[in-house]
Amino acid sequence: MQADGPRACRFGRRWYLNNESWHPSVPPFGEMKCILCWCVSGETHCQRQECPPSACASPATKDNPCCAKCR
């Protein structure tokens, strides 16, 4: 018996192909730009963007809304 090809992943109401990546959309918040998901052989994996610790008292998130940086 021959195995089927790579399987797709379902996340919410959408289907994603094997090895495809996306930022998930979570109602009522919308697209979660700091989280990346990807499809691996029919299984969805997600990971939050890791940020280095900030070394200042009042960091800003202007350039990257996921990670704070010193002004």
Protein backbone atom coordinates (compact mmCIF):
# COMPACT_ATOMS: atom_id res chain seq x y z
CA MET A 1 0.00 0.00 0.00
CA GLN A 2 1.35 3.41 -0.94
CA ALA A 3 1.25 6.35 1.50
CA ASP A 4 -0.67 9.47 0.59
CA GLY A 5 1.22 12.70 -0.11
CA PRO A 6 1.78 15.40 2.50
CA ARG A 7 -1.40 16.40 4.28
CA ALA A 8 -2.77 19.90 4.67
CA CYS A 9 -3.63 21.57 7.99
CA ARG A 10 -6.86 23.20 9.01
CA PHE A 11 -6.73 26.28 11.24
CA GLY A 12 -10.07 27.90 11.94
CA ARG A 13 -11.98 27.88 8.66
CA ARG A 14 -8.89 27.85 6.40
CA TRP A 15 -6.74 25.08 5.00
CA TYR A 16 -2.96 25.43 4.65
CA LEU A 17 -0.63 23.30 2.54
CA ASN A 18 2.22 21.26 3.98
CA ASN A 19 5.20 23.57 4.81
CA GLU A 20 3.04 26.71 4.46
CA SER A 21 3.32 29.34 7.22
CA TRP A 22 0.91 32.07 8.34
CA HIS A 23 0.02 34.50 11.12
CA PRO A 24 -3.16 33.18 12.75
CA SER A 25 -6.31 35.25 12.91
CA VAL A 26 -8.15 34.95 16.21
CA PRO A 27 -11.61 36.59 16.53
CA PRO A 28 -12.24 39.18 17.94
CA PHE A 29 -8.54 40.22 18.02
CA GLY A 30 -7.72 39.74 14.33
CA GLU A 31 -4.33 38.74 12.93
CA MET A 32 -1.76 37.83 15.57
CA LYS A 33 1.39 39.27 13.93
CA CYS A 34 3.64 38.16 16.81
CA ILE A 35 2.71 34.49 16.33
CA LEU A 36 3.78 32.34 13.39
CA CYS A 37 2.12 29.03 12.56
CA TRP A 38 3.19 26.42 10.02
CA CYS A 39 1.87 23.13 8.69
CA VAL A 40 3.98 19.97 9.01
CA SER A 41 2.47 16.75 7.61
CA GLY A 42 -1.06 17.64 8.65
CA GLU A 43 -0.15 19.05 12.08
CA THR A 44 -0.29 22.76 12.91
CA HIS A 45 2.56 24.19 14.99
CA CYS A 46 2.58 27.77 16.32
CA GLN A 47 5.21 29.81 18.13
CA ARG A 48 5.25 33.32 19.55
CA GLN A 49 8.13 35.53 18.37
CA GLU A 50 10.84 35.54 21.02
CA CYS A 51 12.15 38.94 22.03
CA PRO A 52 15.39 39.82 23.80
CA PRO A 53 14.96 41.48 27.21
CA SER A 54 14.83 45.28 27.10
CA ALA A 55 17.68 47.13 28.82
CA CYS A 56 15.93 50.48 29.25
CA ALA A 57 13.26 51.90 31.55
CA SER A 58 10.68 52.82 28.87
CA PRO A 59 11.06 50.75 25.70
CA ALA A 60 9.14 51.57 22.51
CA THR A 61 7.50 49.20 20.03
CA LYS A 62 7.42 51.53 16.99
CA ASP A 63 9.59 49.49 14.59
CA ASN A 64 8.49 46.06 15.78
CA PRO A 65 5.13 45.80 17.60
CA CYS A 66 6.11 42.37 18.94
CA CYS A 67 9.38 43.37 20.62
CA ALA A 68 10.14 46.50 22.62
CA LYS A 69 13.40 48.38 21.92
CA CYS A 70 15.09 51.29 23.64
CA ARG A 71 14.47 54.70 22.10
